[in-house]
N, C-alpha and C. Protein backbone atom coordinates (compact mmCIF):
# COMPACT_ATOMS: atom_id res chain seq x y z
N MET A 1 -14.91 19.95 -12.85
CA MET A 1 -13.56 19.53 -12.54
C MET A 1 -13.20 19.84 -11.08
N THR A 2 -13.79 20.93 -10.54
CA THR A 2 -13.46 21.28 -9.15
C THR A 2 -13.97 20.22 -8.18
N HIS A 3 -15.10 19.57 -8.49
CA HIS A 3 -15.59 18.51 -7.63
C HIS A 3 -14.66 17.30 -7.67
N LEU A 4 -14.17 16.98 -8.87
CA LEU A 4 -13.24 15.87 -9.00
C LEU A 4 -11.94 16.17 -8.25
N ARG A 5 -11.45 17.39 -8.37
CA ARG A 5 -10.23 17.78 -7.65
C ARG A 5 -10.44 17.71 -6.14
N GLY A 6 -11.60 18.17 -5.67
CA GLY A 6 -11.90 18.09 -4.24
C GLY A 6 -11.99 16.65 -3.77
N LEU A 7 -12.67 15.80 -4.55
CA LEU A 7 -12.76 14.38 -4.22
C LEU A 7 -11.37 13.75 -4.18
N PHE A 8 -10.56 14.11 -5.15
CA PHE A 8 -9.19 13.59 -5.20
C PHE A 8 -8.43 13.96 -3.92
N ARG A 9 -8.50 15.22 -3.54
CA ARG A 9 -7.75 15.66 -2.34
C ARG A 9 -8.22 14.92 -1.09
N VAL A 10 -9.52 14.78 -0.93
CA VAL A 10 -10.05 14.08 0.24
C VAL A 10 -9.60 12.61 0.22
N LEU A 11 -9.73 11.96 -0.92
CA LEU A 11 -9.31 10.55 -1.01
C LEU A 11 -7.80 10.39 -0.84
N LEU A 12 -7.04 11.35 -1.35
CA LEU A 12 -5.59 11.29 -1.20
C LEU A 12 -5.19 11.38 0.27
N VAL A 13 -5.79 12.31 0.99
CA VAL A 13 -5.50 12.45 2.42
C VAL A 13 -5.89 11.16 3.16
N PHE A 14 -7.06 10.65 2.84
CA PHE A 14 -7.52 9.40 3.45
C PHE A 14 -6.56 8.26 3.14
N ALA A 15 -6.15 8.15 1.88
CA ALA A 15 -5.26 7.06 1.46
C ALA A 15 -3.89 7.16 2.13
N ILE A 16 -3.32 8.35 2.19
CA ILE A 16 -2.01 8.50 2.83
C ILE A 16 -2.11 8.20 4.32
N GLY A 17 -3.16 8.69 4.96
CA GLY A 17 -3.34 8.41 6.39
C GLY A 17 -3.52 6.93 6.66
N SER A 18 -4.33 6.28 5.85
CA SER A 18 -4.55 4.85 6.07
C SER A 18 -3.31 4.03 5.72
N LEU A 19 -2.56 4.48 4.73
CA LEU A 19 -1.30 3.81 4.36
C LEU A 19 -0.37 3.76 5.57
N TRP A 20 -0.20 4.91 6.20
CA TRP A 20 0.70 5.00 7.36
C TRP A 20 0.11 4.34 8.60
N SER A 21 -1.18 4.51 8.84
CA SER A 21 -1.75 3.92 10.06
C SER A 21 -1.75 2.40 9.99
N LEU A 22 -1.93 1.86 8.80
CA LEU A 22 -1.88 0.41 8.65
C LEU A 22 -0.50 -0.13 8.97
N ALA A 23 0.52 0.55 8.48
CA ALA A 23 1.90 0.09 8.70
C ALA A 23 2.38 0.34 10.13
N ALA A 24 2.05 1.50 10.67
CA ALA A 24 2.61 1.90 11.96
C ALA A 24 1.74 1.53 13.15
N GLY A 25 0.48 1.20 12.93
CA GLY A 25 -0.39 0.95 14.06
C GLY A 25 -1.21 -0.32 13.96
N VAL A 26 -2.03 -0.39 12.94
CA VAL A 26 -3.02 -1.46 12.86
C VAL A 26 -2.38 -2.85 12.73
N ALA A 27 -1.50 -3.03 11.77
CA ALA A 27 -0.90 -4.35 11.57
C ALA A 27 -0.08 -4.80 12.79
N PRO A 28 0.79 -3.94 13.35
CA PRO A 28 1.51 -4.39 14.55
C PRO A 28 0.59 -4.71 15.72
N ILE A 29 -0.47 -3.93 15.89
CA ILE A 29 -1.41 -4.20 16.99
C ILE A 29 -2.11 -5.53 16.78
N LEU A 30 -2.47 -5.85 15.53
CA LEU A 30 -3.09 -7.14 15.24
C LEU A 30 -2.21 -8.29 15.72
N PHE A 31 -0.93 -8.23 15.39
CA PHE A 31 -0.02 -9.31 15.76
C PHE A 31 0.28 -9.32 17.26
N PHE A 32 0.18 -8.18 17.90
CA PHE A 32 0.43 -8.09 19.34
C PHE A 32 -0.77 -8.62 20.13
N THR A 33 -1.98 -8.34 19.66
CA THR A 33 -3.17 -8.69 20.43
C THR A 33 -3.83 -10.00 20.02
N GLN A 34 -3.61 -10.45 18.82
CA GLN A 34 -4.24 -11.68 18.33
C GLN A 34 -3.31 -12.87 18.57
N PRO A 35 -3.71 -13.81 19.44
CA PRO A 35 -2.83 -14.95 19.71
C PRO A 35 -2.64 -15.87 18.50
N ASN A 36 -3.60 -15.89 17.60
CA ASN A 36 -3.49 -16.72 16.39
C ASN A 36 -2.79 -15.90 15.31
N ARG A 37 -1.49 -16.16 15.11
CA ARG A 37 -0.70 -15.37 14.16
C ARG A 37 -1.19 -15.54 12.73
N HIS A 38 -1.69 -16.73 12.40
CA HIS A 38 -2.21 -16.94 11.05
C HIS A 38 -3.43 -16.05 10.81
N LEU A 39 -4.34 -15.99 11.78
CA LEU A 39 -5.51 -15.12 11.66
C LEU A 39 -5.09 -13.66 11.58
N ALA A 40 -4.15 -13.26 12.41
CA ALA A 40 -3.65 -11.87 12.36
C ALA A 40 -3.09 -11.56 10.98
N GLY A 41 -2.34 -12.50 10.41
CA GLY A 41 -1.78 -12.31 9.08
C GLY A 41 -2.85 -12.22 8.01
N GLU A 42 -3.88 -13.04 8.12
CA GLU A 42 -4.99 -13.00 7.16
C GLU A 42 -5.71 -11.65 7.23
N LEU A 43 -5.97 -11.19 8.44
CA LEU A 43 -6.65 -9.90 8.60
C LEU A 43 -5.79 -8.76 8.07
N ALA A 44 -4.51 -8.77 8.41
CA ALA A 44 -3.61 -7.72 7.92
C ALA A 44 -3.53 -7.76 6.39
N GLY A 45 -3.45 -8.96 5.84
CA GLY A 45 -3.39 -9.11 4.39
C GLY A 45 -4.61 -8.53 3.70
N ARG A 46 -5.78 -8.75 4.29
CA ARG A 46 -7.00 -8.18 3.71
C ARG A 46 -6.97 -6.66 3.76
N MET A 47 -6.48 -6.12 4.86
CA MET A 47 -6.40 -4.66 4.97
C MET A 47 -5.39 -4.09 3.97
N PHE A 48 -4.26 -4.76 3.78
CA PHE A 48 -3.29 -4.31 2.79
C PHE A 48 -3.88 -4.38 1.38
N ARG A 49 -4.69 -5.39 1.13
CA ARG A 49 -5.35 -5.52 -0.18
C ARG A 49 -6.30 -4.34 -0.41
N ILE A 50 -7.11 -4.01 0.57
CA ILE A 50 -8.03 -2.87 0.47
C ILE A 50 -7.24 -1.59 0.24
N GLU A 51 -6.13 -1.44 0.96
CA GLU A 51 -5.28 -0.25 0.81
C GLU A 51 -4.77 -0.14 -0.62
N THR A 52 -4.38 -1.25 -1.21
CA THR A 52 -3.90 -1.24 -2.59
C THR A 52 -4.98 -0.74 -3.53
N TYR A 53 -6.18 -1.28 -3.40
CA TYR A 53 -7.28 -0.84 -4.28
C TYR A 53 -7.58 0.64 -4.09
N LEU A 54 -7.58 1.11 -2.86
CA LEU A 54 -7.82 2.53 -2.59
C LEU A 54 -6.76 3.39 -3.27
N CYS A 55 -5.50 3.03 -3.11
CA CYS A 55 -4.41 3.85 -3.66
C CYS A 55 -4.41 3.82 -5.19
N VAL A 56 -4.72 2.69 -5.77
CA VAL A 56 -4.82 2.61 -7.24
C VAL A 56 -5.98 3.46 -7.73
N ALA A 57 -7.10 3.44 -7.03
CA ALA A 57 -8.25 4.27 -7.41
C ALA A 57 -7.89 5.76 -7.36
N VAL A 58 -7.18 6.16 -6.32
CA VAL A 58 -6.76 7.56 -6.20
C VAL A 58 -5.81 7.92 -7.34
N ALA A 59 -4.92 7.01 -7.71
CA ALA A 59 -4.01 7.26 -8.82
C ALA A 59 -4.78 7.41 -10.14
N LEU A 60 -5.80 6.61 -10.33
CA LEU A 60 -6.62 6.73 -11.55
C LEU A 60 -7.35 8.06 -11.59
N ILE A 61 -7.84 8.51 -10.44
CA ILE A 61 -8.48 9.83 -10.40
C ILE A 61 -7.45 10.91 -10.74
N ALA A 62 -6.24 10.77 -10.19
CA ALA A 62 -5.17 11.76 -10.47
C ALA A 62 -4.89 11.84 -11.96
N LEU A 63 -4.97 10.72 -12.66
CA LEU A 63 -4.73 10.72 -14.11
C LEU A 63 -5.78 11.55 -14.86
N ALA A 64 -6.96 11.69 -14.27
CA ALA A 64 -8.04 12.44 -14.92
C ALA A 64 -7.96 13.94 -14.66
N LEU A 65 -7.04 14.36 -13.80
CA LEU A 65 -6.95 15.77 -13.43
C LEU A 65 -5.97 16.53 -14.31
N PRO A 66 -6.22 17.83 -14.50
CA PRO A 66 -5.20 18.66 -15.14
C PRO A 66 -3.96 18.68 -14.22
N GLY A 67 -2.81 18.74 -14.81
CA GLY A 67 -1.60 18.73 -14.01
C GLY A 67 -1.27 17.36 -13.44
N ARG A 68 -1.76 16.34 -14.10
CA ARG A 68 -1.58 14.97 -13.61
C ARG A 68 -0.12 14.55 -13.46
N THR A 69 0.78 15.26 -14.13
CA THR A 69 2.20 14.91 -14.03
C THR A 69 2.78 15.27 -12.67
N ARG A 70 2.08 16.09 -11.89
CA ARG A 70 2.56 16.47 -10.55
C ARG A 70 2.48 15.32 -9.56
N PHE A 71 1.76 14.27 -9.88
CA PHE A 71 1.48 13.21 -8.92
C PHE A 71 2.35 11.97 -9.13
N GLY A 72 3.53 12.18 -9.65
CA GLY A 72 4.45 11.07 -9.91
C GLY A 72 4.74 10.23 -8.69
N TRP A 73 4.91 10.88 -7.54
CA TRP A 73 5.17 10.11 -6.31
C TRP A 73 3.98 9.22 -5.98
N TRP A 74 2.77 9.71 -6.24
CA TRP A 74 1.59 8.89 -5.95
C TRP A 74 1.48 7.72 -6.93
N TYR A 75 1.86 7.96 -8.18
CA TYR A 75 1.84 6.85 -9.13
C TYR A 75 2.83 5.77 -8.68
N LEU A 76 3.96 6.20 -8.13
CA LEU A 76 4.93 5.23 -7.60
C LEU A 76 4.30 4.43 -6.45
N VAL A 77 3.57 5.11 -5.57
CA VAL A 77 2.87 4.41 -4.48
C VAL A 77 1.97 3.33 -5.07
N ALA A 78 1.15 3.70 -6.04
CA ALA A 78 0.20 2.75 -6.63
C ALA A 78 0.92 1.58 -7.30
N ILE A 79 2.02 1.86 -7.98
CA ILE A 79 2.78 0.80 -8.66
C ILE A 79 3.39 -0.15 -7.63
N LEU A 80 4.01 0.39 -6.59
CA LEU A 80 4.64 -0.46 -5.58
C LEU A 80 3.62 -1.33 -4.85
N LEU A 81 2.48 -0.74 -4.50
CA LEU A 81 1.45 -1.52 -3.84
C LEU A 81 0.86 -2.57 -4.78
N SER A 82 0.76 -2.24 -6.06
CA SER A 82 0.27 -3.22 -7.04
C SER A 82 1.25 -4.38 -7.18
N ILE A 83 2.53 -4.09 -7.21
CA ILE A 83 3.54 -5.16 -7.26
C ILE A 83 3.41 -6.03 -6.03
N ASN A 84 3.25 -5.39 -4.89
CA ASN A 84 3.08 -6.14 -3.65
C ASN A 84 1.89 -7.08 -3.71
N GLU A 85 0.78 -6.55 -4.20
CA GLU A 85 -0.47 -7.32 -4.21
C GLU A 85 -0.49 -8.41 -5.26
N TRP A 86 -0.10 -8.08 -6.49
CA TRP A 86 -0.31 -9.03 -7.57
C TRP A 86 0.95 -9.79 -8.01
N VAL A 87 2.10 -9.43 -7.50
CA VAL A 87 3.32 -10.17 -7.82
C VAL A 87 3.85 -10.88 -6.58
N LEU A 88 4.04 -10.13 -5.49
CA LEU A 88 4.64 -10.72 -4.30
C LEU A 88 3.67 -11.56 -3.47
N ARG A 89 2.45 -11.11 -3.32
CA ARG A 89 1.50 -11.86 -2.48
C ARG A 89 1.33 -13.32 -2.92
N PRO A 90 1.17 -13.61 -4.22
CA PRO A 90 1.06 -15.02 -4.61
C PRO A 90 2.31 -15.83 -4.26
N ARG A 91 3.48 -15.22 -4.37
CA ARG A 91 4.71 -15.93 -4.00
C ARG A 91 4.79 -16.15 -2.49
N MET A 92 4.36 -15.15 -1.74
CA MET A 92 4.32 -15.30 -0.28
C MET A 92 3.40 -16.44 0.11
N GLU A 93 2.25 -16.52 -0.52
CA GLU A 93 1.30 -17.59 -0.22
C GLU A 93 1.88 -18.96 -0.57
N LEU A 94 2.52 -19.06 -1.73
CA LEU A 94 3.18 -20.32 -2.09
C LEU A 94 4.26 -20.69 -1.09
N ALA A 95 5.05 -19.72 -0.69
CA ALA A 95 6.11 -19.99 0.28
C ALA A 95 5.53 -20.38 1.64
N ARG A 96 4.42 -19.79 2.01
CA ARG A 96 3.78 -20.15 3.28
C ARG A 96 3.31 -21.60 3.25
N VAL A 97 2.75 -22.01 2.13
CA VAL A 97 2.21 -23.37 2.01
C VAL A 97 3.32 -24.40 1.81
N HIS A 98 4.28 -24.09 0.94
CA HIS A 98 5.30 -25.06 0.55
C HIS A 98 6.66 -24.86 1.21
N GLY A 99 6.82 -23.78 1.94
CA GLY A 99 8.09 -23.51 2.61
C GLY A 99 9.04 -22.67 1.79
N VAL A 100 8.85 -22.65 0.49
CA VAL A 100 9.72 -21.86 -0.39
C VAL A 100 8.97 -21.57 -1.70
N ALA A 101 9.24 -20.42 -2.29
CA ALA A 101 8.69 -20.07 -3.60
C ALA A 101 9.74 -19.26 -4.33
N SER A 102 10.03 -19.67 -5.55
CA SER A 102 11.06 -18.99 -6.36
C SER A 102 12.37 -18.84 -5.58
N GLY A 103 12.67 -19.83 -4.77
CA GLY A 103 13.94 -19.86 -4.04
C GLY A 103 13.98 -19.08 -2.75
N LEU A 104 12.86 -18.45 -2.35
CA LEU A 104 12.84 -17.67 -1.12
C LEU A 104 11.78 -18.20 -0.16
N SER A 105 12.06 -18.08 1.12
CA SER A 105 11.12 -18.49 2.15
C SER A 105 10.02 -17.44 2.32
N PHE A 106 9.01 -17.80 3.08
CA PHE A 106 7.94 -16.84 3.38
C PHE A 106 8.51 -15.59 4.04
N GLY A 107 9.41 -15.78 5.00
CA GLY A 107 10.00 -14.64 5.70
C GLY A 107 10.74 -13.70 4.77
N ALA A 108 11.46 -14.28 3.81
CA ALA A 108 12.19 -13.44 2.85
C ALA A 108 11.22 -12.66 1.96
N TRP A 109 10.18 -13.33 1.46
CA TRP A 109 9.18 -12.63 0.64
C TRP A 109 8.48 -11.56 1.46
N HIS A 110 8.18 -11.88 2.71
CA HIS A 110 7.53 -10.90 3.58
C HIS A 110 8.43 -9.69 3.78
N GLY A 111 9.72 -9.91 3.92
CA GLY A 111 10.68 -8.81 4.06
C GLY A 111 10.71 -7.92 2.83
N VAL A 112 10.74 -8.53 1.65
CA VAL A 112 10.72 -7.76 0.40
C VAL A 112 9.43 -6.95 0.32
N SER A 113 8.32 -7.58 0.67
CA SER A 113 7.03 -6.91 0.65
C SER A 113 7.01 -5.72 1.61
N ALA A 114 7.54 -5.93 2.80
CA ALA A 114 7.57 -4.84 3.81
C ALA A 114 8.42 -3.67 3.32
N ILE A 115 9.53 -3.97 2.68
CA ILE A 115 10.39 -2.89 2.16
C ILE A 115 9.65 -2.11 1.08
N LEU A 116 8.99 -2.81 0.16
CA LEU A 116 8.22 -2.11 -0.88
C LEU A 116 7.13 -1.23 -0.26
N TYR A 117 6.46 -1.75 0.76
CA TYR A 117 5.40 -0.98 1.41
C TYR A 117 5.97 0.27 2.06
N LEU A 118 7.11 0.13 2.73
CA LEU A 118 7.73 1.30 3.38
C LEU A 118 8.22 2.32 2.36
N VAL A 119 8.71 1.86 1.22
CA VAL A 119 9.11 2.79 0.16
C VAL A 119 7.87 3.52 -0.36
N ALA A 120 6.75 2.81 -0.48
CA ALA A 120 5.50 3.45 -0.91
C ALA A 120 5.07 4.51 0.12
N CYS A 121 5.21 4.20 1.41
CA CYS A 121 4.89 5.18 2.45
C CYS A 121 5.78 6.41 2.33
N ALA A 122 7.05 6.18 2.08
CA ALA A 122 7.99 7.31 1.93
C ALA A 122 7.64 8.14 0.70
N ALA A 123 7.25 7.49 -0.39
CA ALA A 123 6.87 8.22 -1.61
C ALA A 123 5.63 9.08 -1.34
N ALA A 124 4.70 8.59 -0.53
CA ALA A 124 3.52 9.38 -0.19
C ALA A 124 3.92 10.62 0.61
N VAL A 125 4.87 10.45 1.52
CA VAL A 125 5.34 11.60 2.29
C VAL A 125 6.04 12.60 1.37
N LEU A 126 6.82 12.12 0.43
CA LEU A 126 7.49 13.02 -0.51
C LEU A 126 6.48 13.81 -1.34
N LEU A 127 5.39 13.19 -1.73
CA LEU A 127 4.35 13.91 -2.47
C LEU A 127 3.84 15.09 -1.64
N VAL A 128 3.53 14.82 -0.39
CA VAL A 128 3.01 15.87 0.49
C VAL A 128 4.08 16.93 0.75
N TRP A 129 5.30 16.49 0.97
CA TRP A 129 6.41 17.40 1.31
C TRP A 129 6.73 18.35 0.16
N LYS A 130 6.70 17.84 -1.07
CA LYS A 130 7.15 18.61 -2.21
C LYS A 130 6.05 19.40 -2.93
N ASP A 131 4.80 19.21 -2.53
CA ASP A 131 3.71 19.84 -3.29
C ASP A 131 2.65 20.38 -2.33
N ASP A 132 2.00 21.45 -2.73
CA ASP A 132 0.92 21.98 -1.90
C ASP A 132 -0.43 21.32 -2.21
N LEU A 133 -0.47 20.45 -3.21
CA LEU A 133 -1.65 19.65 -3.60
C LEU A 133 -2.87 20.49 -3.97
N ARG A 134 -2.64 21.70 -4.42
CA ARG A 134 -3.78 22.53 -4.88
C ARG A 134 -3.96 22.42 -6.37
């Protein structure tokens, strides 16, 4: 169990760091440096997808640990990113292609997605702030 706990801590630190670096650095730099905004969006989308899988995997590992109820903030992160990936992303894609999906434009769906992602980032910070993770 100690190896699983150690693996969890390392992956959790990696996931929280990549969660924040993707939002605060990588994605904005892509759009700033890449003249093709569609390509920048595709690349950012792929990175957000990888981030979702990483965070869900870390949440599944947390479920296998004793004291799994301590990781509620992380479960929220995984749920929000899952909603972003499997509920909002298809609507964003439809809106990008057709101009509107479920009554909202691509920009509106993107805004909702960005808010969910930022709430997930805040939940990750709350996990670290409120717990010593031992």
